Amino acid sequence: TFEWLVASDHVFLSDGVFKIYEIDSDERNTDYKRLQSFIYPDDKETALLAIRRAMEFNEEVKVELRIITAKGNLRTTINTGKVILGVDQKPMKFVGSIRDITEQRKIEHNLEKNVEELNRSNRELEEFAYVASHDLQEPLRKITTFSDRLFEKYKDVLTGDGALYLDRVMASAQNMRMLIDNLLEFSRVSRPHPLFDKVDLNFILRQV
């Protein structure tokens, strides 16, 4: 926690703040400018706007700020503060708390990286499934084409086992085509805005 006496510009810090800022305890009584010097340059404007809003509207503010500690370490903090008014209804002091969320942000960042890596891996898997399925169609077309020609040209000649084998080849080719089509469809499942259709599950059950 901290307490900033506005009129005298003295800032009193708790032991926890000393640990976060990594400053010596002999600076227990410091001033606002000294404390502000630890704020990461890109975040100073954010801090100033938050304090100005608290002073002008007498509202509690909560802002995330990065700081560079006395030992040069970068940390992320959540800062909450509120103005206490004096008898003259003017800001007398600014009190609040500082919480170190550096580890929390690191974990979130690592999670985001893992999610990005997972999405990239999924995209590659989709592309692989699409390419593999597409390439499998070509030899299947040859099998289907020549099986059809054999059937048309030699259907009167093929009898017994010959006809049975050809029927099995043609049926297997048809099943293979359906499997490839399903694989292609499955590779598109995770894509945004999928199109949904009503399905007769009785028909599916009969097929199974």
C-alpha atoms as a PDB file:
ATOM      1  CA  THR A   1       0.000   0.000   0.000  1.00  0.00           C
ATOM      2  CA  PHE A   2       0.991   3.645  -0.343  1.00  0.00           C
ATOM      3  CA  GLU A   3      -0.128   7.030   0.924  1.00  0.00           C
ATOM      4  CA  TRP A   4       0.680  10.265  -0.885  1.00  0.00           C
ATOM      5  CA  LEU A   5       0.203  13.489   1.040  1.00  0.00           C
ATOM      6  CA  VAL A   6      -0.655  15.917  -1.732  1.00  0.00           C
ATOM      7  CA  ALA A   7       0.213  19.217   0.013  1.00  0.00           C
ATOM      8  CA  SER A   8       3.677  18.175   1.279  1.00  0.00           C
ATOM      9  CA  ASP A   9       4.293  15.769  -1.626  1.00  0.00           C
ATOM     10  CA  HIS A  10       5.452  13.038   0.750  1.00  0.00           C
ATOM     11  CA  VAL A  11       4.816   9.409  -0.123  1.00  0.00           C
ATOM     12  CA  PHE A  12       4.771   6.668   2.492  1.00  0.00           C
ATOM     13  CA  LEU A  13       5.194   3.092   1.278  1.00  0.00           C
ATOM     14  CA  SER A  14       4.535  -0.285   2.854  1.00  0.00           C
ATOM     15  CA  ASP A  15       7.126  -3.067   2.960  1.00  0.00           C
ATOM     16  CA  GLY A  16       5.367  -4.764   0.073  1.00  0.00           C
ATOM     17  CA  VAL A  17       5.961  -1.791  -2.227  1.00  0.00           C
ATOM     18  CA  PHE A  18       9.668  -1.802  -1.340  1.00  0.00           C
ATOM     19  CA  LYS A  19       9.833  -5.441  -2.385  1.00  0.00           C
ATOM     20  CA  ILE A  20       8.019  -4.785  -5.666  1.00  0.00           C
ATOM     21  CA  TYR A  21      10.143  -1.738  -6.556  1.00  0.00           C
ATOM     22  CA  GLU A  22      13.308  -3.334  -5.126  1.00  0.00           C
ATOM     23  CA  ILE A  23      14.283  -0.125  -3.344  1.00  0.00           C
ATOM     24  CA  ASP A  24      16.057   0.256   0.005  1.00  0.00           C
ATOM     25  CA  SER A  25      13.971   0.715   3.113  1.00  0.00           C
ATOM     26  CA  ASP A  26      15.792   3.973   3.942  1.00  0.00           C
ATOM     27  CA  GLU A  27      13.606   5.562   1.228  1.00  0.00           C
ATOM     28  CA  ARG A  28      10.506   4.831   3.258  1.00  0.00           C
ATOM     29  CA  ASN A  29       9.611   8.532   3.092  1.00  0.00           C
ATOM     30  CA  THR A  30       9.917   9.585  -0.504  1.00  0.00           C
ATOM     31  CA  ASP A  31       8.085  11.889  -2.900  1.00  0.00           C
ATOM     32  CA  TYR A  32       5.714  11.400  -5.800  1.00  0.00           C
ATOM     33  CA  LYS A  33       8.288  12.254  -8.490  1.00  0.00           C
ATOM     34  CA  ARG A  34      10.685   9.636  -7.132  1.00  0.00           C
ATOM     35  CA  LEU A  35       7.958   6.991  -7.260  1.00  0.00           C
ATOM     36  CA  GLN A  36       6.915   8.135 -10.734  1.00  0.00           C
ATOM     37  CA  SER A  37      10.492   7.719 -11.995  1.00  0.00           C
ATOM     38  CA  PHE A  38      10.097   3.939 -11.799  1.00  0.00           C
ATOM     39  CA  ILE A  39       7.183   3.894 -14.254  1.00  0.00           C
ATOM     40  CA  TYR A  40       7.992   2.516 -17.678  1.00  0.00           C
ATOM     41  CA  PRO A  41       8.300   5.483 -20.099  1.00  0.00           C
ATOM     42  CA  ASP A  42       5.465   4.332 -22.388  1.00  0.00           C
ATOM     43  CA  ASP A  43       3.109   4.003 -19.394  1.00  0.00           C
ATOM     44  CA  LYS A  44       3.740   7.381 -17.737  1.00  0.00           C
ATOM     45  CA  GLU A  45       0.981   9.138 -19.660  1.00  0.00           C
ATOM     46  CA  THR A  46      -1.470   6.435 -18.574  1.00  0.00           C
ATOM     47  CA  ALA A  47      -0.481   6.957 -14.927  1.00  0.00           C
ATOM     48  CA  LEU A  48      -0.842  10.738 -15.174  1.00  0.00           C
ATOM     49  CA  LEU A  49      -4.294  10.459 -16.748  1.00  0.00           C
ATOM     50  CA  ALA A  50      -5.443   8.072 -14.014  1.00  0.00           C
ATOM     51  CA  ILE A  51      -4.301  10.404 -11.219  1.00  0.00           C
ATOM     52  CA  ARG A  52      -5.809  13.415 -12.955  1.00  0.00           C
ATOM     53  CA  ARG A  53      -9.135  11.605 -13.266  1.00  0.00           C
ATOM     54  CA  ALA A  54      -9.040  10.647  -9.600  1.00  0.00           C
ATOM     55  CA  MET A  55      -8.263  14.212  -8.552  1.00  0.00           C
ATOM     56  CA  GLU A  56     -10.878  15.861 -10.754  1.00  0.00           C
ATOM     57  CA  PHE A  57     -13.763  13.424 -10.299  1.00  0.00           C
ATOM     58  CA  ASN A  58     -12.932  12.005  -6.870  1.00  0.00           C
ATOM     59  CA  GLU A  59     -13.281   8.454  -8.166  1.00  0.00           C
ATOM     60  CA  GLU A  60     -11.339   5.296  -7.515  1.00  0.00           C
ATOM     61  CA  VAL A  61      -8.998   4.409 -10.343  1.00  0.00           C
ATOM     62  CA  LYS A  62      -7.448   1.115 -11.323  1.00  0.00           C
ATOM     63  CA  VAL A  63      -4.697   0.986 -13.917  1.00  0.00           C
ATOM     64  CA  GLU A  64      -2.116  -1.521 -15.130  1.00  0.00           C
ATOM     65  CA  LEU A  65       1.414  -0.118 -15.296  1.00  0.00           C
ATOM     66  CA  ARG A  66       4.848  -1.477 -16.060  1.00  0.00           C
ATOM     67  CA  ILE A  67       7.735  -0.373 -13.854  1.00  0.00           C
ATOM     68  CA  ILE A  68      11.500  -0.626 -13.987  1.00  0.00           C
ATOM     69  CA  THR A  69      12.688  -1.493 -10.493  1.00  0.00           C
ATOM     70  CA  ALA A  70      15.695   0.004  -8.749  1.00  0.00           C
ATOM     71  CA  LYS A  71      17.633  -3.095  -9.829  1.00  0.00           C
ATOM     72  CA  GLY A  72      16.578  -2.673 -13.466  1.00  0.00           C
ATOM     73  CA  ASN A  73      13.963  -5.428 -13.598  1.00  0.00           C
ATOM     74  CA  LEU A  74      10.781  -4.969 -15.609  1.00  0.00           C
ATOM     75  CA  ARG A  75       7.595  -5.724 -13.706  1.00  0.00           C
ATOM     76  CA  THR A  76       3.880  -5.355 -14.368  1.00  0.00           C
ATOM     77  CA  THR A  77       1.667  -3.961 -11.628  1.00  0.00           C
ATOM     78  CA  ILE A  78      -1.988  -3.275 -10.954  1.00  0.00           C
ATOM     79  CA  ASN A  79      -2.402   0.073  -9.222  1.00  0.00           C
ATOM     80  CA  THR A  80      -5.572   1.045  -7.377  1.00  0.00           C
ATOM     81  CA  GLY A  81      -6.015   4.437  -5.733  1.00  0.00           C
ATOM     82  CA  LYS A  82      -8.505   6.924  -4.384  1.00  0.00           C
ATOM     83  CA  VAL A  83      -8.409  10.555  -3.278  1.00  0.00           C
ATOM     84  CA  ILE A  84      -9.228  11.462   0.306  1.00  0.00           C
ATOM     85  CA  LEU A  85     -10.694  14.949   0.608  1.00  0.00           C
ATOM     86  CA  GLY A  86      -9.943  17.374   3.425  1.00  0.00           C
ATOM     87  CA  VAL A  87     -12.416  19.516   5.358  1.00  0.00           C
ATOM     88  CA  ASP A  88     -12.182  22.068   2.564  1.00  0.00           C
ATOM     89  CA  GLN A  89     -13.270  19.365   0.081  1.00  0.00           C
ATOM     90  CA  LYS A  90      -9.915  19.556  -1.678  1.00  0.00           C
ATOM     91  CA  PRO A  91      -7.631  16.545  -2.259  1.00  0.00           C
ATOM     92  CA  MET A  92      -5.712  15.949   0.963  1.00  0.00           C
ATOM     93  CA  LYS A  93      -4.076  12.624   0.144  1.00  0.00           C
ATOM     94  CA  PHE A  94      -4.076   9.824  -2.357  1.00  0.00           C
ATOM     95  CA  VAL A  95      -4.132   6.292  -0.967  1.00  0.00           C
ATOM     96  CA  GLY A  96      -4.040   2.964  -2.705  1.00  0.00           C
ATOM     97  CA  SER A  97      -2.376  -0.351  -3.324  1.00  0.00           C
ATOM     98  CA  ILE A  98       0.093  -1.842  -5.775  1.00  0.00           C
ATOM     99  CA  ARG A  99      -0.008  -5.497  -6.777  1.00  0.00           C
ATOM    100  CA  ASP A 100       2.719  -7.293  -8.706  1.00  0.00           C
ATOM    101  CA  ILE A 101       1.156  -9.342 -11.565  1.00  0.00           C
ATOM    102  CA  THR A 102       4.359  -9.991 -13.518  1.00  0.00           C
ATOM    103  CA  GLU A 103       4.168 -13.780 -13.177  1.00  0.00           C
ATOM    104  CA  GLN A 104       0.471 -13.763 -14.056  1.00  0.00           C
ATOM    105  CA  ARG A 105       1.156 -11.826 -17.266  1.00  0.00           C
ATOM    106  CA  LYS A 106       4.028 -14.197 -18.133  1.00  0.00           C
ATOM    107  CA  ILE A 107       1.701 -17.170 -17.757  1.00  0.00           C
ATOM    108  CA  GLU A 108      -0.950 -15.455 -19.909  1.00  0.00           C
ATOM    109  CA  HIS A 109       1.675 -14.612 -22.530  1.00  0.00           C
ATOM    110  CA  ASN A 110       2.890 -18.220 -22.599  1.00  0.00           C
ATOM    111  CA  LEU A 111      -0.707 -19.420 -22.927  1.00  0.00           C
ATOM    112  CA  GLU A 112      -1.258 -17.051 -25.846  1.00  0.00           C
ATOM    113  CA  LYS A 113       1.897 -18.354 -27.520  1.00  0.00           C
ATOM    114  CA  ASN A 114       0.738 -21.937 -26.978  1.00  0.00           C
ATOM    115  CA  VAL A 115      -2.669 -21.120 -28.454  1.00  0.00           C
ATOM    116  CA  GLU A 116      -1.014 -19.482 -31.474  1.00  0.00           C
ATOM    117  CA  GLU A 117       1.205 -22.541 -31.914  1.00  0.00           C
ATOM    118  CA  LEU A 118      -1.812 -24.841 -31.615  1.00  0.00           C
ATOM    119  CA  ASN A 119      -3.731 -22.799 -34.203  1.00  0.00           C
ATOM    120  CA  ARG A 120      -0.744 -22.912 -36.538  1.00  0.00           C
ATOM    121  CA  SER A 121      -0.457 -26.670 -36.066  1.00  0.00           C
ATOM    122  CA  ASN A 122      -4.185 -27.072 -36.751  1.00  0.00           C
ATOM    123  CA  ARG A 123      -3.898 -25.026 -39.944  1.00  0.00           C
ATOM    124  CA  GLU A 124      -1.022 -27.207 -41.122  1.00  0.00           C
ATOM    125  CA  LEU A 125      -3.026 -30.330 -40.270  1.00  0.00           C
ATOM    126  CA  GLU A 126      -6.002 -29.019 -42.256  1.00  0.00           C
ATOM    127  CA  GLU A 127      -3.754 -28.271 -45.236  1.00  0.00           C
ATOM    128  CA  PHE A 128      -2.163 -31.705 -44.997  1.00  0.00           C
ATOM    129  CA  ALA A 129      -5.550 -33.431 -44.823  1.00  0.00           C
ATOM    130  CA  TYR A 130      -6.771 -31.439 -47.826  1.00  0.00           C
ATOM    131  CA  VAL A 131      -3.673 -32.118 -49.938  1.00  0.00           C
ATOM    132  CA  ALA A 132      -3.506 -35.782 -48.957  1.00  0.00           C
ATOM    133  CA  SER A 133      -7.196 -36.286 -49.714  1.00  0.00           C
ATOM    134  CA  HIS A 134      -6.893 -34.437 -53.012  1.00  0.00           C
ATOM    135  CA  ASP A 135      -3.893 -36.536 -54.069  1.00  0.00           C
ATOM    136  CA  LEU A 136      -5.656 -39.757 -53.123  1.00  0.00           C
ATOM    137  CA  GLN A 137      -8.473 -38.904 -55.512  1.00  0.00           C
ATOM    138  CA  GLU A 138      -6.241 -39.300 -58.585  1.00  0.00           C
ATOM    139  CA  PRO A 139      -5.331 -43.024 -58.267  1.00  0.00           C
ATOM    140  CA  LEU A 140      -8.885 -43.701 -57.102  1.00  0.00           C
ATOM    141  CA  ARG A 141     -10.226 -42.172 -60.306  1.00  0.00           C
ATOM    142  CA  LYS A 142      -8.020 -44.553 -62.318  1.00  0.00           C
ATOM    143  CA  ILE A 143      -9.283 -47.549 -60.343  1.00  0.00           C
ATOM    144  CA  THR A 144     -12.891 -46.461 -60.810  1.00  0.00           C
ATOM    145  CA  THR A 145     -12.465 -45.673 -64.517  1.00  0.00           C
ATOM    146  CA  PHE A 146     -10.805 -48.965 -65.441  1.00  0.00           C
ATOM    147  CA  SER A 147     -13.174 -50.972 -63.254  1.00  0.00           C
ATOM    148  CA  ASP A 148     -16.105 -49.395 -65.098  1.00  0.00           C
ATOM    149  CA  ARG A 149     -14.475 -50.211 -68.455  1.00  0.00           C
ATOM    150  CA  LEU A 150     -13.860 -53.808 -67.413  1.00  0.00           C
ATOM    151  CA  PHE A 151     -17.476 -54.115 -66.334  1.00  0.00           C
ATOM    152  CA  GLU A 152     -18.863 -52.566 -69.525  1.00  0.00           C
ATOM    153  CA  LYS A 153     -16.561 -54.489 -71.865  1.00  0.00           C
ATOM    154  CA  TYR A 154     -16.373 -57.864 -70.158  1.00  0.00           C
ATOM    155  CA  LYS A 155     -19.576 -58.093 -68.121  1.00  0.00           C
ATOM    156  CA  ASP A 156     -20.815 -60.906 -70.367  1.00  0.00           C
ATOM    157  CA  VAL A 157     -17.502 -62.747 -70.133  1.00  0.00           C
ATOM    158  CA  LEU A 158     -16.799 -62.409 -66.411  1.00  0.00           C
ATOM    159  CA  THR A 159     -18.728 -64.946 -64.380  1.00  0.00           C
ATOM    160  CA  GLY A 160     -18.427 -66.559 -61.003  1.00  0.00           C
ATOM    161  CA  ASP A 161     -15.408 -65.402 -59.023  1.00  0.00           C
ATOM    162  CA  GLY A 162     -14.336 -62.956 -61.769  1.00  0.00           C
ATOM    163  CA  ALA A 163     -17.597 -61.017 -61.549  1.00  0.00           C
ATOM    164  CA  LEU A 164     -17.522 -61.207 -57.737  1.00  0.00           C
ATOM    165  CA  TYR A 165     -13.977 -59.814 -57.556  1.00  0.00           C
ATOM    166  CA  LEU A 166     -14.819 -56.967 -59.927  1.00  0.00           C
ATOM    167  CA  ASP A 167     -17.930 -56.098 -57.902  1.00  0.00           C
ATOM    168  CA  ARG A 168     -15.809 -55.988 -54.745  1.00  0.00           C
ATOM    169  CA  VAL A 169     -13.231 -53.744 -56.427  1.00  0.00           C
ATOM    170  CA  MET A 170     -15.935 -51.329 -57.567  1.00  0.00           C
ATOM    171  CA  ALA A 171     -17.634 -51.344 -54.140  1.00  0.00           C
ATOM    172  CA  SER A 172     -14.318 -50.760 -52.372  1.00  0.00           C
ATOM    173  CA  ALA A 173     -13.508 -47.900 -54.742  1.00  0.00           C
ATOM    174  CA  GLN A 174     -16.876 -46.322 -53.959  1.00  0.00           C
ATOM    175  CA  ASN A 175     -16.246 -46.698 -50.198  1.00  0.00           C
ATOM    176  CA  MET A 176     -12.791 -45.195 -50.624  1.00  0.00           C
ATOM    177  CA  ARG A 177     -14.259 -42.197 -52.443  1.00  0.00           C
ATOM    178  CA  MET A 178     -16.736 -41.668 -49.617  1.00  0.00           C
ATOM    179  CA  LEU A 179     -13.950 -41.889 -47.019  1.00  0.00           C
ATOM    180  CA  ILE A 180     -11.863 -39.307 -48.871  1.00  0.00           C
ATOM    181  CA  ASP A 181     -14.847 -36.980 -49.230  1.00  0.00           C
ATOM    182  CA  ASN A 182     -15.518 -37.333 -45.499  1.00  0.00           C
ATOM    183  CA  LEU A 183     -11.873 -36.631 -44.714  1.00  0.00           C
ATOM    184  CA  LEU A 184     -12.016 -33.487 -46.813  1.00  0.00           C
ATOM    185  CA  GLU A 185     -15.198 -32.441 -45.027  1.00  0.00           C
ATOM    186  CA  PHE A 186     -13.643 -33.159 -41.625  1.00  0.00           C
ATOM    187  CA  SER A 187     -10.616 -30.997 -42.458  1.00  0.00           C
ATOM    188  CA  ARG A 188     -12.991 -28.042 -42.870  1.00  0.00           C
ATOM    189  CA  VAL A 189     -14.846 -28.550 -39.576  1.00  0.00           C
ATOM    190  CA  SER A 190     -12.711 -26.069 -37.577  1.00  0.00           C
ATOM    191  CA  ARG A 191     -13.035 -23.325 -40.178  1.00  0.00           C
ATOM    192  CA  PRO A 192     -15.210 -20.333 -39.209  1.00  0.00           C
ATOM    193  CA  HIS A 193     -18.866 -19.989 -40.202  1.00  0.00           C
ATOM    194  CA  PRO A 194     -19.664 -23.666 -40.849  1.00  0.00           C
ATOM    195  CA  LEU A 195     -22.872 -24.425 -42.732  1.00  0.00           C
ATOM    196  CA  PHE A 196     -25.283 -26.674 -40.877  1.00  0.00           C
ATOM    197  CA  ASP A 197     -27.976 -28.811 -42.476  1.00  0.00           C
ATOM    198  CA  LYS A 198     -30.718 -30.932 -40.992  1.00  0.00           C
ATOM    199  CA  VAL A 199     -29.840 -34.626 -41.164  1.00  0.00           C
ATOM    200  CA  ASP A 200     -32.192 -37.601 -41.060  1.00  0.00           C
ATOM    201  CA  LEU A 201     -30.525 -39.792 -38.421  1.00  0.00           C
ATOM    202  CA  ASN A 202     -32.802 -42.705 -39.350  1.00  0.00           C
ATOM    203  CA  PHE A 203     -31.187 -42.728 -42.779  1.00  0.00           C
ATOM    204  CA  ILE A 204     -27.716 -42.573 -41.224  1.00  0.00           C
ATOM    205  CA  LEU A 205     -28.598 -45.421 -38.875  1.00  0.00           C
ATOM    206  CA  ARG A 206     -29.794 -47.581 -41.764  1.00  0.00           C
ATOM    207  CA  GLN A 207     -26.533 -46.877 -43.594  1.00  0.00           C
ATOM    208  CA  VAL A 208     -24.496 -47.895 -40.539  1.00  0.00           C
END
